[in-house]
PDB file of N, CA and C in Angstrom:
ATOM      1  N   MET A   1     108.741  95.034  96.065  1.00  0.00           N
ATOM      2  CA  MET A   1     109.873  94.193  95.744  1.00  0.00           C
ATOM      3  C   MET A   1     110.641  93.879  97.021  1.00  0.00           C
ATOM      4  N   SER A   2     110.957  92.614  97.204  1.00  0.00           N
ATOM      5  CA  SER A   2     111.727  92.174  98.364  1.00  0.00           C
ATOM      6  C   SER A   2     113.211  92.100  98.004  1.00  0.00           C
ATOM      7  N   TYR A   3     114.051  92.664  98.859  1.00  0.00           N
ATOM      8  CA  TYR A   3     115.499  92.626  98.656  1.00  0.00           C
ATOM      9  C   TYR A   3     116.112  91.437  99.386  1.00  0.00           C
ATOM     10  N   CYS A   4     115.533  91.085 100.516  1.00  0.00           N
ATOM     11  CA  CYS A   4     115.946  89.904 101.261  1.00  0.00           C
ATOM     12  C   CYS A   4     114.880  89.604 102.305  1.00  0.00           C
ATOM     13  N   ARG A   5     114.869  88.353 102.725  1.00  0.00           N
ATOM     14  CA  ARG A   5     113.930  87.903 103.757  1.00  0.00           C
ATOM     15  C   ARG A   5     114.704  87.209 104.857  1.00  0.00           C
ATOM     16  N   GLN A   6     114.115  87.208 106.038  1.00  0.00           N
ATOM     17  CA  GLN A   6     114.750  86.535 107.159  1.00  0.00           C
ATOM     18  C   GLN A   6     114.859  85.046 106.850  1.00  0.00           C
ATOM     19  N   SER A   7     116.083  84.518 106.960  1.00  0.00           N
ATOM     20  CA  SER A   7     116.305  83.119 106.629  1.00  0.00           C
ATOM     21  C   SER A   7     117.649  82.656 107.164  1.00  0.00           C
ATOM     22  N   PRO A   8     117.720  81.398 107.619  1.00  0.00           N
ATOM     23  CA  PRO A   8     119.009  80.834 108.006  1.00  0.00           C
ATOM     24  C   PRO A   8     119.726  80.187 106.820  1.00  0.00           C
ATOM     25  N   PHE A   9     119.044  80.070 105.673  1.00  0.00           N
ATOM     26  CA  PHE A   9     119.568  79.331 104.529  1.00  0.00           C
ATOM     27  C   PHE A   9     120.314  80.227 103.546  1.00  0.00           C
ATOM     28  N   GLU A  10     121.081  79.566 102.653  1.00  0.00           N
ATOM     29  CA  GLU A  10     121.856  80.200 101.598  1.00  0.00           C
ATOM     30  C   GLU A  10     122.542  81.477 102.078  1.00  0.00           C
ATOM     31  N   ASP A  11     121.969  82.642 101.794  1.00  0.00           N
ATOM     32  CA  ASP A  11     122.565  83.921 102.185  1.00  0.00           C
ATOM     33  C   ASP A  11     121.851  84.357 103.468  1.00  0.00           C
ATOM     34  N   PRO A  12     122.327  83.912 104.653  1.00  0.00           N
ATOM     35  CA  PRO A  12     121.580  84.145 105.890  1.00  0.00           C
ATOM     36  C   PRO A  12     121.230  85.611 106.110  1.00  0.00           C
ATOM     37  N   SER A  13     120.041  85.840 106.634  1.00  0.00           N
ATOM     38  CA  SER A  13     119.555  87.199 106.838  1.00  0.00           C
ATOM     39  C   SER A  13     118.734  87.293 108.107  1.00  0.00           C
ATOM     40  N   ASP A  14     118.975  88.345 108.875  1.00  0.00           N
ATOM     41  CA  ASP A  14     118.174  88.660 110.052  1.00  0.00           C
ATOM     42  C   ASP A  14     117.185  89.781 109.753  1.00  0.00           C
ATOM     43  N   VAL A  15     117.108  90.205 108.506  1.00  0.00           N
ATOM     44  CA  VAL A  15     116.224  91.314 108.133  1.00  0.00           C
ATOM     45  C   VAL A  15     115.325  90.930 106.967  1.00  0.00           C
ATOM     46  N   TYR A  16     114.186  91.590 106.928  1.00  0.00           N
ATOM     47  CA  TYR A  16     113.277  91.514 105.786  1.00  0.00           C
ATOM     48  C   TYR A  16     113.217  92.931 105.250  1.00  0.00           C
ATOM     49  N   VAL A  17     113.605  93.111 104.003  1.00  0.00           N
ATOM     50  CA  VAL A  17     113.679  94.435 103.399  1.00  0.00           C
ATOM     51  C   VAL A  17     112.882  94.436 102.107  1.00  0.00           C
ATOM     52  N   TYR A  18     112.025  95.439 101.949  1.00  0.00           N
ATOM     53  CA  TYR A  18     111.214  95.534 100.739  1.00  0.00           C
ATOM     54  C   TYR A  18     110.860  96.988 100.455  1.00  0.00           C
ATOM     55  N   ALA A  19     110.501  97.249  99.210  1.00  0.00           N
ATOM     56  CA  ALA A  19     110.024  98.568  98.801  1.00  0.00           C
ATOM     57  C   ALA A  19     108.509  98.501  98.719  1.00  0.00           C
ATOM     58  N   GLY A  20     107.865  99.526  99.231  1.00  0.00           N
ATOM     59  CA  GLY A  20     106.411  99.572  99.210  1.00  0.00           C
ATOM     60  C   GLY A  20     105.916 100.990  99.013  1.00  0.00           C
ATOM     61  N   ASP A  21     104.641 101.183  99.233  1.00  0.00           N
ATOM     62  CA  ASP A  21     104.028 102.500  99.055  1.00  0.00           C
ATOM     63  C   ASP A  21     104.595 103.540 100.015  1.00  0.00           C
ATOM     64  N   CYS A  22     105.150 103.089 101.124  1.00  0.00           N
ATOM     65  CA  CYS A  22     105.686 104.004 102.144  1.00  0.00           C
ATOM     66  C   CYS A  22     107.212 104.063 102.109  1.00  0.00           C
ATOM     67  N   GLY A  23     107.823 103.745 100.982  1.00  0.00           N
ATOM     68  CA  GLY A  23     109.273 103.788 100.866  1.00  0.00           C
ATOM     69  C   GLY A  23     109.893 102.421 101.075  1.00  0.00           C
ATOM     70  N   TRP A  24     111.114 102.413 101.584  1.00  0.00           N
ATOM     71  CA  TRP A  24     111.876 101.184 101.775  1.00  0.00           C
ATOM     72  C   TRP A  24     111.768 100.780 103.233  1.00  0.00           C
ATOM     73  N   GLN A  25     111.263  99.592 103.470  1.00  0.00           N
ATOM     74  CA  GLN A  25     110.976  99.108 104.817  1.00  0.00           C
ATOM     75  C   GLN A  25     111.978  98.024 105.227  1.00  0.00           C
ATOM     76  N   THR A  26     112.403  98.096 106.478  1.00  0.00           N
ATOM     77  CA  THR A  26     113.300  97.090 107.042  1.00  0.00           C
ATOM     78  C   THR A  26     112.713  96.601 108.350  1.00  0.00           C
ATOM     79  N   HIS A  27     112.593  95.286 108.482  1.00  0.00           N
ATOM     80  CA  HIS A  27     112.130  94.666 109.723  1.00  0.00           C
ATOM     81  C   HIS A  27     113.247  93.751 110.219  1.00  0.00           C
ATOM     82  N   VAL A  28     113.659  93.955 111.458  1.00  0.00           N
ATOM     83  CA  VAL A  28     114.733  93.164 112.056  1.00  0.00           C
ATOM     84  C   VAL A  28     114.104  92.043 112.886  1.00  0.00           C
ATOM     85  N   ALA A  29     114.621  90.858 112.724  1.00  0.00           N
ATOM     86  CA  ALA A  29     114.125  89.694 113.474  1.00  0.00           C
ATOM     87  C   ALA A  29     114.385  89.866 114.965  1.00  0.00           C
ATOM     88  N   THR A  30     113.645  89.119 115.771  1.00  0.00           N
ATOM     89  CA  THR A  30     113.904  89.088 117.214  1.00  0.00           C
ATOM     90  C   THR A  30     114.844  87.940 117.569  1.00  0.00           C
ATOM     91  N   ALA A  31     114.904  86.942 116.666  1.00  0.00           N
ATOM     92  CA  ALA A  31     115.738  85.762 116.911  1.00  0.00           C
ATOM     93  C   ALA A  31     116.200  85.202 115.576  1.00  0.00           C
ATOM     94  N   ARG A  32     117.189  84.329 115.645  1.00  0.00           N
ATOM     95  CA  ARG A  32     117.642  83.618 114.441  1.00  0.00           C
ATOM     96  C   ARG A  32     117.704  82.133 114.775  1.00  0.00           C
ATOM     97  N   TYR A  33     117.543  81.319 113.741  1.00  0.00           N
ATOM     98  CA  TYR A  33     117.615  79.871 113.936  1.00  0.00           C
ATOM     99  C   TYR A  33     119.054  79.413 113.902  1.00  0.00           C
ATOM    100  N   GLU A  34     119.394  78.576 114.868  1.00  0.00           N
ATOM    101  CA  GLU A  34     120.707  77.943 114.902  1.00  0.00           C
ATOM    102  C   GLU A  34     120.489  76.458 115.108  1.00  0.00           C
ATOM    103  N   GLY A  35     121.270  75.683 114.415  1.00  0.00           N
ATOM    104  CA  GLY A  35     121.121  74.240 114.516  1.00  0.00           C
ATOM    105  C   GLY A  35     122.399  73.548 114.132  1.00  0.00           C
ATOM    106  N   PRO A  36     122.314  72.233 113.962  1.00  0.00           N
ATOM    107  CA  PRO A  36     123.508  71.474 113.608  1.00  0.00           C
ATOM    108  C   PRO A  36     124.018  71.862 112.223  1.00  0.00           C
ATOM    109  N   ALA A  37     125.330  71.884 112.090  1.00  0.00           N
ATOM    110  CA  ALA A  37     125.920  72.191 110.789  1.00  0.00           C
ATOM    111  C   ALA A  37     126.062  70.898 110.009  1.00  0.00           C
ATOM    112  N   PRO A  38     126.116  70.909 108.730  1.00  0.00           N
ATOM    113  CA  PRO A  38     125.903  72.087 107.885  1.00  0.00           C
ATOM    114  C   PRO A  38     124.414  72.282 107.574  1.00  0.00           C
ATOM    115  N   ILE A  39     124.079  73.501 107.235  1.00  0.00           N
ATOM    116  CA  ILE A  39     122.717  73.803 106.802  1.00  0.00           C
ATOM    117  C   ILE A  39     122.594  73.326 105.356  1.00  0.00           C
ATOM    118  N   PRO A  40     121.590  72.513 105.049  1.00  0.00           N
ATOM    119  CA  PRO A  40     121.424  72.049 103.665  1.00  0.00           C
ATOM    120  C   PRO A  40     121.196  73.232 102.715  1.00  0.00           C
ATOM    121  N   ALA A  41     121.921  73.248 101.613  1.00  0.00           N
ATOM    122  CA  ALA A  41     121.829  74.357 100.657  1.00  0.00           C
ATOM    123  C   ALA A  41     121.060  73.934  99.409  1.00  0.00           C
ATOM    124  N   ILE A  42     120.419  74.929  98.822  1.00  0.00           N
ATOM    125  CA  ILE A  42     119.764  74.748  97.525  1.00  0.00           C
ATOM    126  C   ILE A  42     120.504  75.651  96.552  1.00  0.00           C
ATOM    127  N   PRO A  43     121.020  75.116  95.454  1.00  0.00           N
ATOM    128  CA  PRO A  43     121.825  75.924  94.527  1.00  0.00           C
ATOM    129  C   PRO A  43     120.994  77.005  93.831  1.00  0.00           C
ATOM    130  N   ASP A  44     121.689  78.039  93.351  1.00  0.00           N
ATOM    131  CA  ASP A  44     121.015  79.130  92.648  1.00  0.00           C
ATOM    132  C   ASP A  44     120.246  78.634  91.435  1.00  0.00           C
ATOM    133  N   ASP A  45     120.757  77.591  90.795  1.00  0.00           N
ATOM    134  CA  ASP A  45     120.078  77.063  89.603  1.00  0.00           C
ATOM    135  C   ASP A  45     119.100  75.946  89.975  1.00  0.00           C
ATOM    136  N   TRP A  46     118.411  76.109  91.106  1.00  0.00           N
ATOM    137  CA  TRP A  46     117.503  75.092  91.620  1.00  0.00           C
ATOM    138  C   TRP A  46     116.446  74.689  90.604  1.00  0.00           C
ATOM    139  N   ASP A  47     116.060  75.637  89.730  1.00  0.00           N
ATOM    140  CA  ASP A  47     115.010  75.342  88.748  1.00  0.00           C
ATOM    141  C   ASP A  47     115.479  74.353  87.677  1.00  0.00           C
ATOM    142  N   LEU A  48     116.776  74.076  87.629  1.00  0.00           N
ATOM    143  CA  LEU A  48     117.308  73.106  86.669  1.00  0.00           C
ATOM    144  C   LEU A  48     117.449  71.708  87.281  1.00  0.00           C
ATOM    145  N   LEU A  49     117.235  71.619  88.584  1.00  0.00           N
ATOM    146  CA  LEU A  49     117.364  70.321  89.252  1.00  0.00           C
ATOM    147  C   LEU A  49     116.182  69.419  88.909  1.00  0.00           C
ATOM    148  N   PRO A  50     116.423  68.118  88.838  1.00  0.00           N
ATOM    149  CA  PRO A  50     115.293  67.188  88.710  1.00  0.00           C
ATOM    150  C   PRO A  50     114.375  67.358  89.931  1.00  0.00           C
ATOM    151  N   THR A  51     113.096  67.197  89.740  1.00  0.00           N
ATOM    152  CA  THR A  51     112.118  67.433  90.802  1.00  0.00           C
ATOM    153  C   THR A  51     112.429  66.639  92.058  1.00  0.00           C
ATOM    154  N   ASP A  52     112.784  65.369  91.921  1.00  0.00           N
ATOM    155  CA  ASP A  52     113.045  64.559  93.112  1.00  0.00           C
ATOM    156  C   ASP A  52     114.271  65.059  93.877  1.00  0.00           C
ATOM    157  N   GLU A  53     115.278  65.568  93.165  1.00  0.00           N
ATOM    158  CA  GLU A  53     116.473  66.098  93.832  1.00  0.00           C
ATOM    159  C   GLU A  53     116.137  67.402  94.561  1.00  0.00           C
ATOM    160  N   LEU A  54     115.349  68.255  93.919  1.00  0.00           N
ATOM    161  CA  LEU A  54     114.945  69.504  94.556  1.00  0.00           C
ATOM    162  C   LEU A  54     114.109  69.222  95.804  1.00  0.00           C
ATOM    163  N   LEU A  55     113.166  68.308  95.705  1.00  0.00           N
ATOM    164  CA  LEU A  55     112.336  67.962  96.857  1.00  0.00           C
ATOM    165  C   LEU A  55     113.183  67.398  97.998  1.00  0.00           C
ATOM    166  N   ALA A  56     114.185  66.607  97.678  1.00  0.00           N
ATOM    167  CA  ALA A  56     115.068  66.054  98.704  1.00  0.00           C
ATOM    168  C   ALA A  56     115.812  67.186  99.431  1.00  0.00           C
ATOM    169  N   LYS A  57     116.272  68.180  98.678  1.00  0.00           N
ATOM    170  CA  LYS A  57     116.979  69.307  99.293  1.00  0.00           C
ATOM    171  C   LYS A  57     116.029  70.137 100.155  1.00  0.00           C
ATOM    172  N   LEU A  58     114.816  70.374  99.675  1.00  0.00           N
ATOM    173  CA  LEU A  58     113.833  71.125 100.460  1.00  0.00           C
ATOM    174  C   LEU A  58     113.471  70.367 101.736  1.00  0.00           C
ATOM    175  N   ASN A  59     113.298  69.067 101.622  1.00  0.00           N
ATOM    176  CA  ASN A  59     112.994  68.247 102.805  1.00  0.00           C
ATOM    177  C   ASN A  59     114.149  68.277 103.800  1.00  0.00           C
ATOM    178  N   ALA A  60     115.380  68.289 103.306  1.00  0.00           N
ATOM    179  CA  ALA A  60     116.539  68.356 104.192  1.00  0.00           C
ATOM    180  C   ALA A  60     116.537  69.678 104.964  1.00  0.00           C
ATOM    181  N   GLN A  61     116.159  70.766 104.297  1.00  0.00           N
ATOM    182  CA  GLN A  61     116.072  72.055 104.988  1.00  0.00           C
ATOM    183  C   GLN A  61     114.980  72.020 106.062  1.00  0.00           C
ATOM    184  N   MET A  62     113.841  71.430 105.741  1.00  0.00           N
ATOM    185  CA  MET A  62     112.757  71.342 106.711  1.00  0.00           C
ATOM    186  C   MET A  62     113.167  70.468 107.902  1.00  0.00           C
ATOM    187  N   ASP A  63     113.895  69.395 107.646  1.00  0.00           N
ATOM    188  CA  ASP A  63     114.398  68.551 108.733  1.00  0.00           C
ATOM    189  C   ASP A  63     115.373  69.330 109.606  1.00  0.00           C
ATOM    190  N   TRP A  64     116.223  70.150 108.978  1.00  0.00           N
ATOM    191  CA  TRP A  64     117.162  70.977 109.731  1.00  0.00           C
ATOM    192  C   TRP A  64     116.394  71.924 110.651  1.00  0.00           C
ATOM    193  N   LEU A  65     115.334  72.546 110.128  1.00  0.00           N
ATOM    194  CA  LEU A  65     114.541  73.466 110.944  1.00  0.00           C
ATOM    195  C   LEU A  65     113.915  72.770 112.153  1.00  0.00           C
ATOM    196  N   LYS A  66     113.564  71.488 112.008  1.00  0.00           N
ATOM    197  CA  LYS A  66     112.966  70.747 113.120  1.00  0.00           C
ATOM    198  C   LYS A  66     113.947  70.589 114.276  1.00  0.00           C
ATOM    199  N   THR A  67     115.250  70.580 113.986  1.00  0.00           N
ATOM    200  CA  THR A  67     116.255  70.415 115.028  1.00  0.00           C
ATOM    201  C   THR A  67     116.859  71.749 115.461  1.00  0.00           C
ATOM    202  N   ALA A  68     116.600  72.799 114.714  1.00  0.00           N
ATOM    203  CA  ALA A  68     117.152  74.121 115.038  1.00  0.00           C
ATOM    204  C   ALA A  68     116.374  74.736 116.199  1.00  0.00           C
ATOM    205  N   ARG A  69     116.995  75.736 116.800  1.00  0.00           N
ATOM    206  CA  ARG A  69     116.297  76.446 117.870  1.00  0.00           C
ATOM    207  C   ARG A  69     116.429  77.945 117.621  1.00  0.00           C
ATOM    208  N   ALA A  70     115.419  78.680 118.058  1.00  0.00           N
ATOM    209  CA  ALA A  70     115.435  80.131 117.916  1.00  0.00           C
ATOM    210  C   ALA A  70     116.283  80.720 119.042  1.00  0.00           C
ATOM    211  N   VAL A  71     117.274  81.511 118.654  1.00  0.00           N
ATOM    212  CA  VAL A  71     118.172  82.152 119.613  1.00  0.00           C
ATOM    213  C   VAL A  71     117.951  83.662 119.513  1.00  0.00           C
ATOM    214  N   PRO A  72     117.675  84.333 120.630  1.00  0.00           N
ATOM    215  CA  PRO A  72     117.458  85.785 120.575  1.00  0.00           C
ATOM    216  C   PRO A  72     118.617  86.487 119.879  1.00  0.00           C
ATOM    217  N   LEU A  73     118.272  87.488 119.087  1.00  0.00           N
ATOM    218  CA  LEU A  73     119.283  88.204 118.314  1.00  0.00           C
ATOM    219  C   LEU A  73     120.264  88.945 119.214  1.00  0.00           C
ATOM    220  N   GLY A  74     119.790  89.520 120.299  1.00  0.00           N
ATOM    221  CA  GLY A  74     120.690  90.152 121.259  1.00  0.00           C
ATOM    222  C   GLY A  74     121.315  91.448 120.791  1.00  0.00           C
ATOM    223  N   VAL A  75     120.624  92.175 119.931  1.00  0.00           N
ATOM    224  CA  VAL A  75     121.088  93.496 119.499  1.00  0.00           C
ATOM    225  C   VAL A  75     119.973  94.501 119.794  1.00  0.00           C
ATOM    226  N   PRO A  76     120.321  95.777 119.981  1.00  0.00           N
ATOM    227  CA  PRO A  76     119.291  96.770 120.311  1.00  0.00           C
ATOM    228  C   PRO A  76     118.175  96.885 119.266  1.00  0.00           C
ATOM    229  N   SER A  77     118.475  96.592 118.029  1.00  0.00           N
ATOM    230  CA  SER A  77     117.494  96.749 116.952  1.00  0.00           C
ATOM    231  C   SER A  77     116.574  95.537 116.794  1.00  0.00           C
ATOM    232  N   ALA A  78     116.774  94.477 117.574  1.00  0.00           N
ATOM    233  CA  ALA A  78     115.957  93.263 117.442  1.00  0.00           C
ATOM    234  C   ALA A  78     114.476  93.601 117.582  1.00  0.00           C
ATOM    235  N   GLY A  79     113.694  93.159 116.603  1.00  0.00           N
ATOM    236  CA  GLY A  79     112.259  93.394 116.618  1.00  0.00           C
ATOM    237  C   GLY A  79     111.822  94.763 116.129  1.00  0.00           C
ATOM    238  N   GLU A  80     112.761  95.598 115.751  1.00  0.00           N
ATOM    239  CA  GLU A  80     112.432  96.955 115.296  1.00  0.00           C
ATOM    240  C   GLU A  80     112.105  96.972 113.815  1.00  0.00           C
ATOM    241  N   SER A  81     111.365  97.992 113.412  1.00  0.00           N
ATOM    242  CA  SER A  81     111.040  98.234 111.997  1.00  0.00           C
ATOM    243  C   SER A  81     111.433  99.659 111.654  1.00  0.00           C
ATOM    244  N   TYR A  82     111.903  99.834 110.426  1.00  0.00           N
ATOM    245  CA  TYR A  82     112.381 101.139 109.987  1.00  0.00           C
ATOM    246  C   TYR A  82     111.840 101.448 108.595  1.00  0.00           C
ATOM    247  N   GLY A  83     111.656 102.719 108.314  1.00  0.00           N
ATOM    248  CA  GLY A  83     111.265 103.158 106.986  1.00  0.00           C
ATOM    249  C   GLY A  83     112.243 104.193 106.474  1.00  0.00           C
ATOM    250  N   ASP A  84     112.623 104.074 105.222  1.00  0.00           N
ATOM    251  CA  ASP A  84     113.542 105.030 104.601  1.00  0.00           C
ATOM    252  C   ASP A  84     112.925 105.575 103.325  1.00  0.00           C
ATOM    253  N   ASP A  85     113.298 106.808 102.980  1.00  0.00           N
ATOM    254  CA  ASP A  85     112.726 107.479 101.816  1.00  0.00           C
ATOM    255  C   ASP A  85     113.396 107.119 100.501  1.00  0.00           C
ATOM    256  N   THR A  86     114.633 106.640 100.561  1.00  0.00           N
ATOM    257  CA  THR A  86     115.361 106.311  99.334  1.00  0.00           C
ATOM    258  C   THR A  86     116.069 104.972  99.487  1.00  0.00           C
ATOM    259  N   PRO A  87     116.396 104.324  98.368  1.00  0.00           N
ATOM    260  CA  PRO A  87     117.150 103.078  98.472  1.00  0.00           C
ATOM    261  C   PRO A  87     118.540 103.286  99.068  1.00  0.00           C
ATOM    262  N   GLY A  88     119.141 104.444  98.819  1.00  0.00           N
ATOM    263  CA  GLY A  88     120.454 104.723  99.391  1.00  0.00           C
ATOM    264  C   GLY A  88     120.411 104.830 100.901  1.00  0.00           C
ATOM    265  N   GLU A  89     119.363 105.489 101.433  1.00  0.00           N
ATOM    266  CA  GLU A  89     119.206 105.575 102.885  1.00  0.00           C
ATOM    267  C   GLU A  89     118.989 104.190 103.483  1.00  0.00           C
ATOM    268  N   CYS A  90     118.237 103.352 102.776  1.00  0.00           N
ATOM    269  CA  CYS A  90     117.990 101.993 103.246  1.00  0.00           C
ATOM    270  C   CYS A  90     119.302 101.202 103.265  1.00  0.00           C
ATOM    271  N   ALA A  91     120.121 101.347 102.232  1.00  0.00           N
ATOM    272  CA  ALA A  91     121.423 100.665 102.198  1.00  0.00           C
ATOM    273  C   ALA A  91     122.299 101.131 103.353  1.00  0.00           C
ATOM    274  N   ASP A  92     122.280 102.442 103.644  1.00  0.00           N
ATOM    275  CA  ASP A  92     123.047 102.968 104.780  1.00  0.00           C
ATOM    276  C   ASP A  92     122.580 102.326 106.082  1.00  0.00           C
ATOM    277  N   ARG A  93     121.260 102.217 106.234  1.00  0.00           N
ATOM    278  CA  ARG A  93     120.704 101.614 107.442  1.00  0.00           C
ATOM    279  C   ARG A  93     121.146 100.150 107.572  1.00  0.00           C
ATOM    280  N   LEU A  94     121.100  99.413 106.455  1.00  0.00           N
ATOM    281  CA  LEU A  94     121.501  98.011 106.495  1.00  0.00           C
ATOM    282  C   LEU A  94     122.965  97.861 106.882  1.00  0.00           C
ATOM    283  N   GLU A  95     123.807  98.752 106.381  1.00  0.00           N
ATOM    284  CA  GLU A  95     125.223  98.705 106.754  1.00  0.00           C
ATOM    285  C   GLU A  95     125.403  99.007 108.238  1.00  0.00           C
ATOM    286  N   ALA A  96     124.617  99.957 108.763  1.00  0.00           N
ATOM    287  CA  ALA A  96     124.694 100.282 110.186  1.00  0.00           C
ATOM    288  C   ALA A  96     124.206  99.097 111.029  1.00  0.00           C
ATOM    289  N   LEU A  97     123.137  98.447 110.591  1.00  0.00           N
ATOM    290  CA  LEU A  97     122.638  97.273 111.305  1.00  0.00           C
ATOM    291  C   LEU A  97     123.675  96.148 111.288  1.00  0.00           C
ATOM    292  N   ARG A  98     124.294  95.954 110.135  1.00  0.00           N
ATOM    293  CA  ARG A  98     125.320  94.918 110.012  1.00  0.00           C
ATOM    294  C   ARG A  98     126.466  95.170 110.988  1.00  0.00           C
ATOM    295  N   ALA A  99     126.824  96.431 111.174  1.00  0.00           N
ATOM    296  CA  ALA A  99     127.921  96.781 112.079  1.00  0.00           C
ATOM    297  C   ALA A  99     127.616  96.407 113.529  1.00  0.00           C
ATOM    298  N   THR A 100     126.323  96.216 113.861  1.00  0.00           N
ATOM    299  CA  THR A 100     125.943  95.835 115.236  1.00  0.00           C
ATOM    300  C   THR A 100     125.803  94.322 115.397  1.00  0.00           C
ATOM    301  N   GLY A 101     126.025  93.566 114.311  1.00  0.00           N
ATOM    302  CA  GLY A 101     125.946  92.112 114.387  1.00  0.00           C
ATOM    303  C   GLY A 101     124.728  91.507 113.721  1.00  0.00           C
ATOM    304  N   VAL A 102     123.891  92.329 113.102  1.00  0.00           N
ATOM    305  CA  VAL A 102     122.730  91.818 112.378  1.00  0.00           C
ATOM    306  C   VAL A 102     123.217  91.262 111.043  1.00  0.00           C
ATOM    307  N   ARG A 103     122.745  90.053 110.689  1.00  0.00           N
ATOM    308  CA  ARG A 103     123.137  89.465 109.401  1.00  0.00           C
ATOM    309  C   ARG A 103     122.324  90.126 108.294  1.00  0.00           C
ATOM    310  N   VAL A 104     123.048  90.743 107.348  1.00  0.00           N
ATOM    311  CA  VAL A 104     122.439  91.427 106.206  1.00  0.00           C
ATOM    312  C   VAL A 104     123.155  90.937 104.949  1.00  0.00           C
ATOM    313  N   PRO A 105     122.419  90.376 103.992  1.00  0.00           N
ATOM    314  CA  PRO A 105     123.067  89.931 102.753  1.00  0.00           C
ATOM    315  C   PRO A 105     123.670  91.102 101.976  1.00  0.00           C
ATOM    316  N   GLN A 106     124.908  90.935 101.545  1.00  0.00           N
ATOM    317  CA  GLN A 106     125.569  91.968 100.744  1.00  0.00           C
ATOM    318  C   GLN A 106     124.790  92.253  99.468  1.00  0.00           C
ATOM    319  N   SER A 107     124.150  91.241  98.919  1.00  0.00           N
ATOM    320  CA  SER A 107     123.389  91.428  97.672  1.00  0.00           C
ATOM    321  C   SER A 107     122.268  92.442  97.841  1.00  0.00           C
ATOM    322  N   ALA A 108     121.651  92.503  99.018  1.00  0.00           N
ATOM    323  CA  ALA A 108     120.585  93.484  99.248  1.00  0.00           C
ATOM    324  C   ALA A 108     121.153  94.895  99.227  1.00  0.00           C
ATOM    325  N   ILE A 109     122.285  95.089  99.878  1.00  0.00           N
ATOM    326  CA  ILE A 109     122.917  96.406  99.905  1.00  0.00           C
ATOM    327  C   ILE A 109     123.338  96.816  98.501  1.00  0.00           C
ATOM    328  N   GLU A 110     123.936  95.904  97.757  1.00  0.00           N
ATOM    329  CA  GLU A 110     124.383  96.218  96.397  1.00  0.00           C
ATOM    330  C   GLU A 110     123.211  96.583  95.486  1.00  0.00           C
ATOM    331  N   THR A 111     122.106  95.865  95.602  1.00  0.00           N
ATOM    332  CA  THR A 111     120.940  96.159  94.778  1.00  0.00           C
ATOM    333  C   THR A 111     120.377  97.537  95.119  1.00  0.00           C
ATOM    334  N   LEU A 112     120.293  97.857  96.402  1.00  0.00           N
ATOM    335  CA  LEU A 112     119.799  99.178  96.820  1.00  0.00           C
ATOM    336  C   LEU A 112     120.734 100.291  96.334  1.00  0.00           C
ATOM    337  N   ARG A 113     122.037 100.069  96.408  1.00  0.00           N
ATOM    338  CA  ARG A 113     123.001 101.074  95.926  1.00  0.00           C
ATOM    339  C   ARG A 113     122.848 101.285  94.413  1.00  0.00           C
ATOM    340  N   ALA A 114     122.645 100.202  93.673  1.00  0.00           N
ATOM    341  CA  ALA A 114     122.461 100.311  92.227  1.00  0.00           C
ATOM    342  C   ALA A 114     121.178 101.081  91.900  1.00  0.00           C
ATOM    343  N   GLU A 115     120.115 100.827  92.650  1.00  0.00           N
ATOM    344  CA  GLU A 115     118.869 101.563  92.429  1.00  0.00           C
ATOM    345  C   GLU A 115     119.047 103.048  92.730  1.00  0.00           C
ATOM    346  N   GLN A 116     119.785 103.354  93.793  1.00  0.00           N
ATOM    347  CA  GLN A 116     120.030 104.755  94.122  1.00  0.00           C
ATOM    348  C   GLN A 116     120.845 105.423  93.020  1.00  0.00           C
ATOM    349  N   ALA A 117     121.843 104.723  92.499  1.00  0.00           N
ATOM    350  CA  ALA A 117     122.657 105.284  91.412  1.00  0.00           C
ATOM    351  C   ALA A 117     121.786 105.578  90.189  1.00  0.00           C
ATOM    352  N   GLN A 118     120.844 104.679  89.904  1.00  0.00           N
ATOM    353  CA  GLN A 118     119.937 104.884  88.776  1.00  0.00           C
ATOM    354  C   GLN A 118     119.044 106.098  89.030  1.00  0.00           C
ATOM    355  N   LEU A 119     118.552 106.247  90.242  1.00  0.00           N
ATOM    356  CA  LEU A 119     117.722 107.406  90.586  1.00  0.00           C
ATOM    357  C   LEU A 119     118.526 108.695  90.473  1.00  0.00           C
ATOM    358  N   ASN A 120     119.798 108.643  90.866  1.00  0.00           N
ATOM    359  CA  ASN A 120     120.653 109.829  90.803  1.00  0.00           C
ATOM    360  C   ASN A 120     120.893 110.296  89.380  1.00  0.00           C
ATOM    361  N   LYS A 121     120.804 109.372  88.424  1.00  0.00           N
ATOM    362  CA  LYS A 121     120.990 109.742  87.017  1.00  0.00           C
ATOM    363  C   LYS A 121     119.814 110.561  86.510  1.00  0.00           C
ATOM    364  N   GLY A 122     118.686 110.413  87.151  1.00  0.00           N
ATOM    365  CA  GLY A 122     117.485 111.147  86.747  1.00  0.00           C
ATOM    366  C   GLY A 122     116.784 110.479  85.590  1.00  0.00           C
ATOM    367  N   PRO A 123     115.653 111.060  85.188  1.00  0.00           N
ATOM    368  CA  PRO A 123     114.880 110.476  84.089  1.00  0.00           C
ATOM    369  C   PRO A 123     115.621 110.595  82.755  1.00  0.00           C
ATOM    370  N   HIS A 124     115.366 109.634  81.894  1.00  0.00           N
ATOM    371  CA  HIS A 124     115.977 109.657  80.577  1.00  0.00           C
ATOM    372  C   HIS A 124     115.214 110.633  79.683  1.00  0.00           C
ATOM    373  N   PRO A 125     115.917 111.410  78.880  1.00  0.00           N
ATOM    374  CA  PRO A 125     115.221 112.355  78.002  1.00  0.00           C
ATOM    375  C   PRO A 125     114.392 111.609  76.956  1.00  0.00           C
ATOM    376  N   ALA A 126     113.302 112.219  76.591  1.00  0.00           N
ATOM    377  CA  ALA A 126     112.425 111.623  75.556  1.00  0.00           C
ATOM    378  C   ALA A 126     113.146 111.651  74.216  1.00  0.00           C
ATOM    379  N   PRO A 127     112.924 110.612  73.378  1.00  0.00           N
ATOM    380  CA  PRO A 127     113.609 110.575  72.069  1.00  0.00           C
ATOM    381  C   PRO A 127     113.098 111.647  71.130  1.00  0.00           C
TER     382      PRO A 127
END
């Protein structure tokens, strides 16, 4: 399961975070895209948009990327990968990365915290 991916769009992120067989993995980008403002947005309810409107928004994002340039992240963690044993540890790591200037979506941290809270409750008793 992916919590966030590196992207300049919507909820910008410099990290790719996912859960896998080896726990919770975080990969920090080496650079981020910067370009002319504003970045074209696609609404959360994109699946309700008429196809031609959605395609126009996607094309606008692709056009933005053509004019954007990759700028080095400039933080010690740039290009690093990390593994954590629990979602709570991963959330802690993301908060620490954010404190150094890495863009981390709040939604990823909140989802990891909620998963940790669920794990802390333990298994549900059988009926």
